[in-house]
Amino acid sequence: MAEDLRFVESGRVLEGLRTYRMIAGMWIRSTMAYRASFVMTALGGALVTGLDFVAILLMFSRVDSLGGYALPEVALLYGLSAISFGIADLVMGSAGRLGTRVRDGTLDTLLVRPAPVLAQVAADRFALRRLGRVTQGAVVLGYALFALDVHWTPAKALLLPVTVVCGGVIFCAVFVAGASFQFLAQDAAEVQNAFTYGGQTLLQYPPTVFGKELVRGVTFMFPLAFVNWVPAAYVLDRPYPLGLPQWAAFAPPLVAAGCWVLAGLAWRTGLRSYRSTGS
C-alpha cells in the first residue's frame, strides 16, 4: 500500500512538471515572438529592481558600515536574497493572482482540466521578463564575491549555490502558502506580498539592524533567515543570528523541505475548502 501511494504521488509530481513545462513553454513562445520588447522589458525590470541596491550604495556614501557589515558583506546578503527570490518569482510568482480567479470564478476552468491545479496556477502567464531580477542579483553577488576577503573552503564554496537553490524553494513555499490563504481571504494579494516582496527587502540588510523579536520571527516562525542570513554568517565568519549553533548554516535544505511540505498541506486544505462562486 505504501509503495502504491508513493508511486501515485511521484506520478502526480511528474504530471505537474509536465503540465507546468507545457503551459510555461506556451507563454515563452508568445513572449519571444516580440524579442525586442522582451529584451527592453527585462532590462527595464533589472534597472528598477536595481534601485534597491542603489539605495544601499547611497547609505554607504555616508557611513562605513551598516549594522557592523561592510558594503561587500551587505552585497553578499543582497545578491543571495535577490537571486533566490527572483527564481521563486519566476517559477511561482503567478500564484499571487489566485485570489482574482477565486473571485471571478475562472478557477473552475482549471479544476475541470485533467492536470494538477497548482501547476496550472503557477505557470499561468509565465513572465520570462522576471529573469531581469535574477540577473541583477547575480551581478551584485558577483561584485560581492570579488570584493570580499574570505578564506574560502570547499564547504563555503559549496554552501553558496546550495543556499541559492534552497532560498528559492523557501520563497516558492511562501508563494504557495500565500496563494492557499487566498482561498479563504479572496482579496489577500497584498498580504502575500508582505511576506514575499517584503521578506526579500528585509533580507537585503544585516540582521544586526533589526530588533531581536523580528529576527526571532523570521528565523523560527517564518524561516526566511535561512535564505541568506544564517549561511552568510558562516561564509563571513560572523556571529550567527540569535546565537544559533554552527551547524545551522547547513540547515537550509532541511528548512526548505519542511517549508514545502507545510505549503503543500496548506494548498491541499485550501483547495478542498473551495466551493466555487456558483457562476
C-alpha atoms as a PDB file:
ATOM      1  CA  MET A   1       0.000   0.000   0.000  1.00  0.00           C
ATOM      2  CA  ALA A   2       2.777   2.439   0.935  1.00  0.00           C
ATOM      3  CA  GLU A   3       4.592   1.673  -2.313  1.00  0.00           C
ATOM      4  CA  ASP A   4       1.390   2.284  -4.283  1.00  0.00           C
ATOM      5  CA  LEU A   5       0.916   5.649  -2.587  1.00  0.00           C
ATOM      6  CA  ARG A   6       4.494   6.652  -3.351  1.00  0.00           C
ATOM      7  CA  PHE A   7       4.011   5.616  -6.967  1.00  0.00           C
ATOM      8  CA  VAL A   8       0.833   7.702  -7.226  1.00  0.00           C
ATOM      9  CA  GLU A   9       2.497  10.730  -5.639  1.00  0.00           C
ATOM     10  CA  SER A  10       5.526  10.509  -7.919  1.00  0.00           C
ATOM     11  CA  GLY A  11       3.181  10.190 -10.889  1.00  0.00           C
ATOM     12  CA  ARG A  12       1.311  13.354  -9.859  1.00  0.00           C
ATOM     13  CA  VAL A  13       4.587  15.239  -9.439  1.00  0.00           C
ATOM     14  CA  LEU A  14       5.744  14.217 -12.906  1.00  0.00           C
ATOM     15  CA  GLU A  15       2.346  15.128 -14.337  1.00  0.00           C
ATOM     16  CA  GLY A  16       2.532  18.517 -12.641  1.00  0.00           C
ATOM     17  CA  LEU A  17       6.015  19.184 -14.003  1.00  0.00           C
ATOM     18  CA  ARG A  18       4.901  18.186 -17.491  1.00  0.00           C
ATOM     19  CA  THR A  19       1.859  20.459 -17.263  1.00  0.00           C
ATOM     20  CA  TYR A  20       3.971  23.335 -15.967  1.00  0.00           C
ATOM     21  CA  ARG A  21       6.501  22.876 -18.782  1.00  0.00           C
ATOM     22  CA  MET A  22       3.802  22.878 -21.451  1.00  0.00           C
ATOM     23  CA  ILE A  23       1.987  25.989 -20.172  1.00  0.00           C
ATOM     24  CA  ALA A  24       5.189  27.913 -19.427  1.00  0.00           C
ATOM     25  CA  GLY A  25       6.562  26.956 -22.835  1.00  0.00           C
ATOM     26  CA  MET A  26       3.450  28.356 -24.494  1.00  0.00           C
ATOM     27  CA  TRP A  27       3.907  31.703 -22.739  1.00  0.00           C
ATOM     28  CA  ILE A  28       7.632  31.758 -23.514  1.00  0.00           C
ATOM     29  CA  ARG A  29       6.949  31.226 -27.221  1.00  0.00           C
ATOM     30  CA  SER A  30       4.397  34.026 -27.077  1.00  0.00           C
ATOM     31  CA  THR A  31       6.914  36.326 -25.384  1.00  0.00           C
ATOM     32  CA  MET A  32       9.767  35.539 -27.773  1.00  0.00           C
ATOM     33  CA  ALA A  33       7.580  36.431 -30.743  1.00  0.00           C
ATOM     34  CA  TYR A  34       8.478  40.033 -29.827  1.00  0.00           C
ATOM     35  CA  ARG A  35      12.105  39.674 -28.807  1.00  0.00           C
ATOM     36  CA  ALA A  36      12.995  43.348 -28.816  1.00  0.00           C
ATOM     37  CA  SER A  37      10.085  44.061 -26.493  1.00  0.00           C
ATOM     38  CA  PHE A  38      11.177  41.200 -24.222  1.00  0.00           C
ATOM     39  CA  VAL A  39      14.767  42.476 -24.025  1.00  0.00           C
ATOM     40  CA  MET A  40      13.671  46.029 -23.225  1.00  0.00           C
ATOM     41  CA  THR A  41      11.169  44.838 -20.614  1.00  0.00           C
ATOM     42  CA  ALA A  42      13.715  42.544 -18.944  1.00  0.00           C
ATOM     43  CA  LEU A  43      16.355  45.285 -18.877  1.00  0.00           C
ATOM     44  CA  GLY A  44      13.829  47.756 -17.524  1.00  0.00           C
ATOM     45  CA  GLY A  45      12.859  45.321 -14.786  1.00  0.00           C
ATOM     46  CA  ALA A  46      16.519  44.784 -13.866  1.00  0.00           C
ATOM     47  CA  LEU A  47      17.089  48.544 -13.654  1.00  0.00           C
ATOM     48  CA  VAL A  48      14.008  49.083 -11.489  1.00  0.00           C
ATOM     49  CA  THR A  49      14.902  46.303  -9.055  1.00  0.00           C
ATOM     50  CA  GLY A  50      18.486  47.569  -9.063  1.00  0.00           C
ATOM     51  CA  LEU A  51      17.292  50.779  -7.420  1.00  0.00           C
ATOM     52  CA  ASP A  52      17.159  48.834  -4.151  1.00  0.00           C
ATOM     53  CA  PHE A  53      20.913  48.349  -4.289  1.00  0.00           C
ATOM     54  CA  VAL A  54      21.403  51.951  -5.374  1.00  0.00           C
ATOM     55  CA  ALA A  55      19.688  52.945  -2.118  1.00  0.00           C
ATOM     56  CA  ILE A  56      22.191  50.792  -0.225  1.00  0.00           C
ATOM     57  CA  LEU A  57      25.064  52.451  -2.098  1.00  0.00           C
ATOM     58  CA  LEU A  58      23.697  55.859  -1.103  1.00  0.00           C
ATOM     59  CA  MET A  59      23.672  54.758   2.538  1.00  0.00           C
ATOM     60  CA  PHE A  60      27.304  53.684   2.305  1.00  0.00           C
ATOM     61  CA  SER A  61      28.230  57.039   0.799  1.00  0.00           C
ATOM     62  CA  ARG A  62      27.530  58.427   4.277  1.00  0.00           C
ATOM     63  CA  VAL A  63      28.571  55.553   6.549  1.00  0.00           C
ATOM     64  CA  ASP A  64      31.382  52.992   6.575  1.00  0.00           C
ATOM     65  CA  SER A  65      29.267  50.102   7.819  1.00  0.00           C
ATOM     66  CA  LEU A  66      25.646  49.138   8.273  1.00  0.00           C
ATOM     67  CA  GLY A  67      24.944  47.186  11.436  1.00  0.00           C
ATOM     68  CA  GLY A  68      28.644  46.319  11.557  1.00  0.00           C
ATOM     69  CA  TYR A  69      28.613  44.975   7.972  1.00  0.00           C
ATOM     70  CA  ALA A  70      30.776  46.493   5.226  1.00  0.00           C
ATOM     71  CA  LEU A  71      29.423  47.123   1.715  1.00  0.00           C
ATOM     72  CA  PRO A  72      30.705  43.845   0.171  1.00  0.00           C
ATOM     73  CA  GLU A  73      29.131  41.881   3.040  1.00  0.00           C
ATOM     74  CA  VAL A  74      25.777  43.596   2.561  1.00  0.00           C
ATOM     75  CA  ALA A  75      26.135  42.988  -1.188  1.00  0.00           C
ATOM     76  CA  LEU A  76      26.501  39.266  -0.433  1.00  0.00           C
ATOM     77  CA  LEU A  77      23.251  39.296   1.550  1.00  0.00           C
ATOM     78  CA  TYR A  78      21.547  41.300  -1.182  1.00  0.00           C
ATOM     79  CA  GLY A  79      22.758  39.053  -4.003  1.00  0.00           C
ATOM     80  CA  LEU A  80      21.739  35.813  -2.306  1.00  0.00           C
ATOM     81  CA  SER A  81      18.251  37.064  -1.439  1.00  0.00           C
ATOM     82  CA  ALA A  82      17.697  38.709  -4.825  1.00  0.00           C
ATOM     83  CA  ILE A  83      18.614  35.598  -6.814  1.00  0.00           C
ATOM     84  CA  SER A  84      16.600  33.266  -4.578  1.00  0.00           C
ATOM     85  CA  PHE A  85      13.547  35.497  -4.679  1.00  0.00           C
ATOM     86  CA  GLY A  86      13.955  36.096  -8.405  1.00  0.00           C
ATOM     87  CA  ILE A  87      13.923  32.359  -9.084  1.00  0.00           C
ATOM     88  CA  ALA A  88      10.811  31.887  -6.937  1.00  0.00           C
ATOM     89  CA  ASP A  89       9.076  34.877  -8.530  1.00  0.00           C
ATOM     90  CA  LEU A  90       9.849  33.490 -11.983  1.00  0.00           C
ATOM     91  CA  VAL A  91       8.659  29.973 -11.174  1.00  0.00           C
ATOM     92  CA  MET A  92       5.768  30.607  -8.784  1.00  0.00           C
ATOM     93  CA  GLY A  93       5.014  34.341  -8.878  1.00  0.00           C
ATOM     94  CA  SER A  94       1.833  33.907 -10.923  1.00  0.00           C
ATOM     95  CA  ALA A  95       0.240  32.118  -7.957  1.00  0.00           C
ATOM     96  CA  GLY A  96      -0.258  35.530  -6.382  1.00  0.00           C
ATOM     97  CA  ARG A  97      -3.185  36.142  -8.747  1.00  0.00           C
ATOM     98  CA  LEU A  98      -5.157  33.185  -7.413  1.00  0.00           C
ATOM     99  CA  GLY A  99      -7.470  35.459  -5.445  1.00  0.00           C
ATOM    100  CA  THR A 100      -8.674  37.067  -8.670  1.00  0.00           C
ATOM    101  CA  ARG A 101      -9.527  33.639 -10.114  1.00  0.00           C
ATOM    102  CA  VAL A 102     -11.397  32.714  -6.947  1.00  0.00           C
ATOM    103  CA  ARG A 103     -13.442  35.927  -7.044  1.00  0.00           C
ATOM    104  CA  ASP A 104     -14.428  35.797 -10.704  1.00  0.00           C
ATOM    105  CA  GLY A 105     -14.925  32.022 -10.830  1.00  0.00           C
ATOM    106  CA  THR A 106     -12.306  31.301 -13.505  1.00  0.00           C
ATOM    107  CA  LEU A 107     -10.605  28.852 -11.143  1.00  0.00           C
ATOM    108  CA  ASP A 108     -13.406  26.444 -12.034  1.00  0.00           C
ATOM    109  CA  THR A 109     -11.989  26.075 -15.532  1.00  0.00           C
ATOM    110  CA  LEU A 110      -8.714  24.838 -14.063  1.00  0.00           C
ATOM    111  CA  LEU A 111     -10.460  22.320 -11.820  1.00  0.00           C
ATOM    112  CA  VAL A 112     -12.117  20.514 -14.716  1.00  0.00           C
ATOM    113  CA  ARG A 113      -8.876  20.076 -16.645  1.00  0.00           C
ATOM    114  CA  PRO A 114      -7.011  16.758 -16.258  1.00  0.00           C
ATOM    115  CA  ALA A 115      -3.919  18.418 -14.793  1.00  0.00           C
ATOM    116  CA  PRO A 116      -2.760  19.482 -11.307  1.00  0.00           C
ATOM    117  CA  VAL A 117      -4.284  22.837 -10.388  1.00  0.00           C
ATOM    118  CA  LEU A 118      -1.139  24.186  -8.718  1.00  0.00           C
ATOM    119  CA  ALA A 119       0.917  23.615 -11.865  1.00  0.00           C
ATOM    120  CA  GLN A 120      -1.703  25.451 -13.930  1.00  0.00           C
ATOM    121  CA  VAL A 121      -1.880  28.372 -11.500  1.00  0.00           C
ATOM    122  CA  ALA A 122       1.896  28.716 -11.216  1.00  0.00           C
ATOM    123  CA  ALA A 123       2.566  28.549 -14.967  1.00  0.00           C
ATOM    124  CA  ASP A 124      -0.303  30.844 -15.950  1.00  0.00           C
ATOM    125  CA  ARG A 125       1.046  33.964 -17.692  1.00  0.00           C
ATOM    126  CA  PHE A 126       4.628  32.801 -17.146  1.00  0.00           C
ATOM    127  CA  ALA A 127       6.694  36.005 -17.292  1.00  0.00           C
ATOM    128  CA  LEU A 128      10.181  35.371 -18.647  1.00  0.00           C
ATOM    129  CA  ARG A 129      10.960  39.060 -18.112  1.00  0.00           C
ATOM    130  CA  ARG A 130      11.388  38.277 -14.415  1.00  0.00           C
ATOM    131  CA  LEU A 131      14.809  36.927 -15.315  1.00  0.00           C
ATOM    132  CA  GLY A 132      15.900  40.552 -15.057  1.00  0.00           C
ATOM    133  CA  ARG A 133      15.699  40.372 -11.257  1.00  0.00           C
ATOM    134  CA  VAL A 134      17.795  37.192 -11.203  1.00  0.00           C
ATOM    135  CA  THR A 135      20.397  38.750 -13.499  1.00  0.00           C
ATOM    136  CA  GLN A 136      20.618  41.907 -11.441  1.00  0.00           C
ATOM    137  CA  GLY A 137      21.044  39.892  -8.243  1.00  0.00           C
ATOM    138  CA  ALA A 138      23.749  37.784  -9.886  1.00  0.00           C
ATOM    139  CA  VAL A 139      25.672  40.928 -10.842  1.00  0.00           C
ATOM    140  CA  VAL A 140      25.597  42.193  -7.246  1.00  0.00           C
ATOM    141  CA  LEU A 141      26.592  38.755  -5.931  1.00  0.00           C
ATOM    142  CA  GLY A 142      29.490  38.659  -8.389  1.00  0.00           C
ATOM    143  CA  TYR A 143      30.710  42.027  -7.101  1.00  0.00           C
ATOM    144  CA  ALA A 144      30.438  40.789  -3.509  1.00  0.00           C
ATOM    145  CA  LEU A 145      32.455  37.637  -4.197  1.00  0.00           C
ATOM    146  CA  PHE A 146      35.121  39.705  -5.969  1.00  0.00           C
ATOM    147  CA  ALA A 147      35.360  42.347  -3.211  1.00  0.00           C
ATOM    148  CA  LEU A 148      35.133  40.089  -0.145  1.00  0.00           C
ATOM    149  CA  ASP A 149      38.243  38.948   1.647  1.00  0.00           C
ATOM    150  CA  VAL A 150      37.048  35.461   2.601  1.00  0.00           C
ATOM    151  CA  HIS A 151      39.087  32.386   3.412  1.00  0.00           C
ATOM    152  CA  TRP A 152      37.334  30.024   1.040  1.00  0.00           C
ATOM    153  CA  THR A 153      36.983  26.366   1.870  1.00  0.00           C
ATOM    154  CA  PRO A 154      35.206  23.610  -0.079  1.00  0.00           C
ATOM    155  CA  ALA A 155      32.329  23.793   2.411  1.00  0.00           C
ATOM    156  CA  LYS A 156      31.894  27.546   1.917  1.00  0.00           C
ATOM    157  CA  ALA A 157      32.134  27.281  -1.863  1.00  0.00           C
ATOM    158  CA  LEU A 158      29.516  24.512  -1.965  1.00  0.00           C
ATOM    159  CA  LEU A 159      27.238  26.282   0.506  1.00  0.00           C
ATOM    160  CA  LEU A 160      26.604  29.292  -1.757  1.00  0.00           C
ATOM    161  CA  PRO A 161      24.853  27.500  -4.670  1.00  0.00           C
ATOM    162  CA  VAL A 162      23.001  25.258  -2.208  1.00  0.00           C
ATOM    163  CA  THR A 163      21.831  28.375  -0.367  1.00  0.00           C
ATOM    164  CA  VAL A 164      20.557  29.983  -3.582  1.00  0.00           C
ATOM    165  CA  VAL A 165      18.561  26.887  -4.567  1.00  0.00           C
ATOM    166  CA  CYS A 166      17.153  26.324  -1.077  1.00  0.00           C
ATOM    167  CA  GLY A 167      16.315  30.008  -0.739  1.00  0.00           C
ATOM    168  CA  GLY A 168      14.345  29.784  -3.975  1.00  0.00           C
ATOM    169  CA  VAL A 169      12.447  26.763  -2.641  1.00  0.00           C
ATOM    170  CA  ILE A 170      11.672  28.589   0.617  1.00  0.00           C
ATOM    171  CA  PHE A 171      10.283  31.595  -1.255  1.00  0.00           C
ATOM    172  CA  CYS A 172       8.305  29.262  -3.549  1.00  0.00           C
ATOM    173  CA  ALA A 173       6.751  27.734  -0.443  1.00  0.00           C
ATOM    174  CA  VAL A 174       5.817  31.220   0.776  1.00  0.00           C
ATOM    175  CA  PHE A 175       4.153  31.937  -2.576  1.00  0.00           C
ATOM    176  CA  VAL A 176       2.157  28.693  -2.373  1.00  0.00           C
ATOM    177  CA  ALA A 177       1.172  29.308   1.244  1.00  0.00           C
ATOM    178  CA  GLY A 178       0.052  32.831   0.342  1.00  0.00           C
ATOM    179  CA  ALA A 179      -1.986  31.525  -2.571  1.00  0.00           C
ATOM    180  CA  SER A 180      -3.582  28.954  -0.265  1.00  0.00           C
ATOM    181  CA  PHE A 181      -4.642  31.736   2.096  1.00  0.00           C
ATOM    182  CA  GLN A 182      -6.444  33.435  -0.793  1.00  0.00           C
ATOM    183  CA  PHE A 183      -8.937  30.573  -0.923  1.00  0.00           C
ATOM    184  CA  LEU A 184     -10.257  31.957   2.366  1.00  0.00           C
ATOM    185  CA  ALA A 185      -9.496  35.669   2.035  1.00  0.00           C
ATOM    186  CA  GLN A 186     -10.116  36.264  -1.649  1.00  0.00           C
ATOM    187  CA  ASP A 187      -8.560  39.728  -1.702  1.00  0.00           C
ATOM    188  CA  ALA A 188      -5.304  38.981   0.101  1.00  0.00           C
ATOM    189  CA  ALA A 189      -2.676  39.546  -2.571  1.00  0.00           C
ATOM    190  CA  GLU A 190      -1.126  42.390  -0.583  1.00  0.00           C
ATOM    191  CA  VAL A 191      -0.911  40.193   2.500  1.00  0.00           C
ATOM    192  CA  GLN A 192       1.040  37.685   0.457  1.00  0.00           C
ATOM    193  CA  ASN A 193       3.276  40.444  -0.922  1.00  0.00           C
ATOM    194  CA  ALA A 194       4.154  41.469   2.625  1.00  0.00           C
ATOM    195  CA  PHE A 195       5.821  38.100   3.141  1.00  0.00           C
ATOM    196  CA  THR A 196       7.290  37.671  -0.362  1.00  0.00           C
ATOM    197  CA  TYR A 197       8.429  41.069  -1.606  1.00  0.00           C
ATOM    198  CA  GLY A 198       8.595  42.394   1.938  1.00  0.00           C
ATOM    199  CA  GLY A 199      10.617  39.414   3.104  1.00  0.00           C
ATOM    200  CA  GLN A 200      13.084  39.818   0.260  1.00  0.00           C
ATOM    201  CA  THR A 201      13.547  43.501   1.098  1.00  0.00           C
ATOM    202  CA  LEU A 202      14.105  42.622   4.750  1.00  0.00           C
ATOM    203  CA  LEU A 203      16.821  40.098   3.883  1.00  0.00           C
ATOM    204  CA  GLN A 204      18.782  42.682   1.893  1.00  0.00           C
ATOM    205  CA  TYR A 205      20.007  44.158   5.171  1.00  0.00           C
ATOM    206  CA  PRO A 206      22.043  42.601   8.001  1.00  0.00           C
ATOM    207  CA  PRO A 207      20.129  41.033  10.888  1.00  0.00           C
ATOM    208  CA  THR A 208      22.024  43.320  13.265  1.00  0.00           C
ATOM    209  CA  VAL A 209      19.971  46.341  12.194  1.00  0.00           C
ATOM    210  CA  PHE A 210      16.700  44.751  13.332  1.00  0.00           C
ATOM    211  CA  GLY A 211      15.291  44.038  16.766  1.00  0.00           C
ATOM    212  CA  LYS A 212      15.669  40.574  18.251  1.00  0.00           C
ATOM    213  CA  GLU A 213      11.926  39.914  18.156  1.00  0.00           C
ATOM    214  CA  LEU A 214      11.789  40.486  14.419  1.00  0.00           C
ATOM    215  CA  VAL A 215      14.890  38.353  13.838  1.00  0.00           C
ATOM    216  CA  ARG A 216      13.389  35.617  16.020  1.00  0.00           C
ATOM    217  CA  GLY A 217      10.161  35.751  13.998  1.00  0.00           C
ATOM    218  CA  VAL A 218      11.866  35.340  10.607  1.00  0.00           C
ATOM    219  CA  THR A 219      14.066  32.579  11.992  1.00  0.00           C
ATOM    220  CA  PHE A 220      11.617  30.319  13.810  1.00  0.00           C
ATOM    221  CA  MET A 221       8.102  31.330  12.672  1.00  0.00           C
ATOM    222  CA  PHE A 222       8.790  32.230   9.039  1.00  0.00           C
ATOM    223  CA  PRO A 223      12.293  30.847   8.467  1.00  0.00           C
ATOM    224  CA  LEU A 224      13.382  33.393   5.877  1.00  0.00           C
ATOM    225  CA  ALA A 225      16.656  33.837   7.777  1.00  0.00           C
ATOM    226  CA  PHE A 226      17.869  30.590   6.193  1.00  0.00           C
ATOM    227  CA  VAL A 227      17.632  32.193   2.753  1.00  0.00           C
ATOM    228  CA  ASN A 228      20.810  34.180   3.412  1.00  0.00           C
ATOM    229  CA  TRP A 229      21.401  35.439   6.968  1.00  0.00           C
ATOM    230  CA  VAL A 230      22.404  32.134   8.551  1.00  0.00           C
ATOM    231  CA  PRO A 231      24.529  30.626   5.742  1.00  0.00           C
ATOM    232  CA  ALA A 232      26.131  34.022   5.049  1.00  0.00           C
ATOM    233  CA  ALA A 233      27.202  34.215   8.697  1.00  0.00           C
ATOM    234  CA  TYR A 234      29.192  31.014   8.166  1.00  0.00           C
ATOM    235  CA  VAL A 235      30.769  32.284   4.945  1.00  0.00           C
ATOM    236  CA  LEU A 236      31.701  35.639   6.502  1.00  0.00           C
ATOM    237  CA  ASP A 237      32.821  34.113   9.842  1.00  0.00           C
ATOM    238  CA  ARG A 238      30.356  36.304  11.695  1.00  0.00           C
ATOM    239  CA  PRO A 239      28.229  35.536  14.766  1.00  0.00           C
ATOM    240  CA  TYR A 240      25.037  33.694  13.934  1.00  0.00           C
ATOM    241  CA  PRO A 241      21.662  35.409  14.447  1.00  0.00           C
ATOM    242  CA  LEU A 242      20.272  34.638  17.907  1.00  0.00           C
ATOM    243  CA  GLY A 243      23.381  32.585  18.722  1.00  0.00           C
ATOM    244  CA  LEU A 244      22.330  29.629  16.561  1.00  0.00           C
ATOM    245  CA  PRO A 245      24.709  26.646  16.502  1.00  0.00           C
ATOM    246  CA  GLN A 246      27.278  26.421  13.713  1.00  0.00           C
ATOM    247  CA  TRP A 247      25.550  23.507  12.000  1.00  0.00           C
ATOM    248  CA  ALA A 248      22.540  25.762  11.353  1.00  0.00           C
ATOM    249  CA  ALA A 249      24.367  27.168   8.319  1.00  0.00           C
ATOM    250  CA  PHE A 250      23.901  23.794   6.622  1.00  0.00           C
ATOM    251  CA  ALA A 251      20.213  23.513   7.564  1.00  0.00           C
ATOM    252  CA  PRO A 252      18.687  25.338   4.524  1.00  0.00           C
ATOM    253  CA  PRO A 253      17.922  22.048   2.681  1.00  0.00           C
ATOM    254  CA  LEU A 254      16.004  20.745   5.713  1.00  0.00           C
ATOM    255  CA  VAL A 255      14.244  24.072   6.203  1.00  0.00           C
ATOM    256  CA  ALA A 256      13.318  24.237   2.514  1.00  0.00           C
ATOM    257  CA  ALA A 257      11.933  20.687   2.585  1.00  0.00           C
ATOM    258  CA  GLY A 258       9.910  21.443   5.717  1.00  0.00           C
ATOM    259  CA  CYS A 259       8.533  24.669   4.253  1.00  0.00           C
ATOM    260  CA  TRP A 260       7.498  22.898   1.062  1.00  0.00           C
ATOM    261  CA  VAL A 261       5.709  20.132   2.964  1.00  0.00           C
ATOM    262  CA  LEU A 262       3.784  22.674   5.029  1.00  0.00           C
ATOM    263  CA  ALA A 263       2.963  24.725   1.944  1.00  0.00           C
ATOM    264  CA  GLY A 264       1.701  21.586   0.201  1.00  0.00           C
ATOM    265  CA  LEU A 265      -0.571  20.785   3.126  1.00  0.00           C
ATOM    266  CA  ALA A 266      -1.869  24.360   3.147  1.00  0.00           C
ATOM    267  CA  TRP A 267      -2.560  24.174  -0.592  1.00  0.00           C
ATOM    268  CA  ARG A 268      -4.496  20.915  -0.315  1.00  0.00           C
ATOM    269  CA  THR A 269      -6.522  22.283   2.587  1.00  0.00           C
ATOM    270  CA  GLY A 270      -7.343  25.476   0.716  1.00  0.00           C
ATOM    271  CA  LEU A 271      -8.243  23.661  -2.490  1.00  0.00           C
ATOM    272  CA  ARG A 272     -10.580  21.267  -0.644  1.00  0.00           C
ATOM    273  CA  SER A 273     -12.317  24.214   1.010  1.00  0.00           C
ATOM    274  CA  TYR A 274     -13.051  25.888  -2.335  1.00  0.00           C
ATOM    275  CA  ARG A 275     -16.762  25.944  -3.125  1.00  0.00           C
ATOM    276  CA  SER A 276     -16.804  27.957  -6.371  1.00  0.00           C
ATOM    277  CA  THR A 277     -18.745  31.167  -6.967  1.00  0.00           C
ATOM    278  CA  GLY A 278     -21.735  29.414  -8.453  1.00  0.00           C
ATOM    279  CA  SER A 279     -21.256  31.122 -11.810  1.00  0.00           C
END
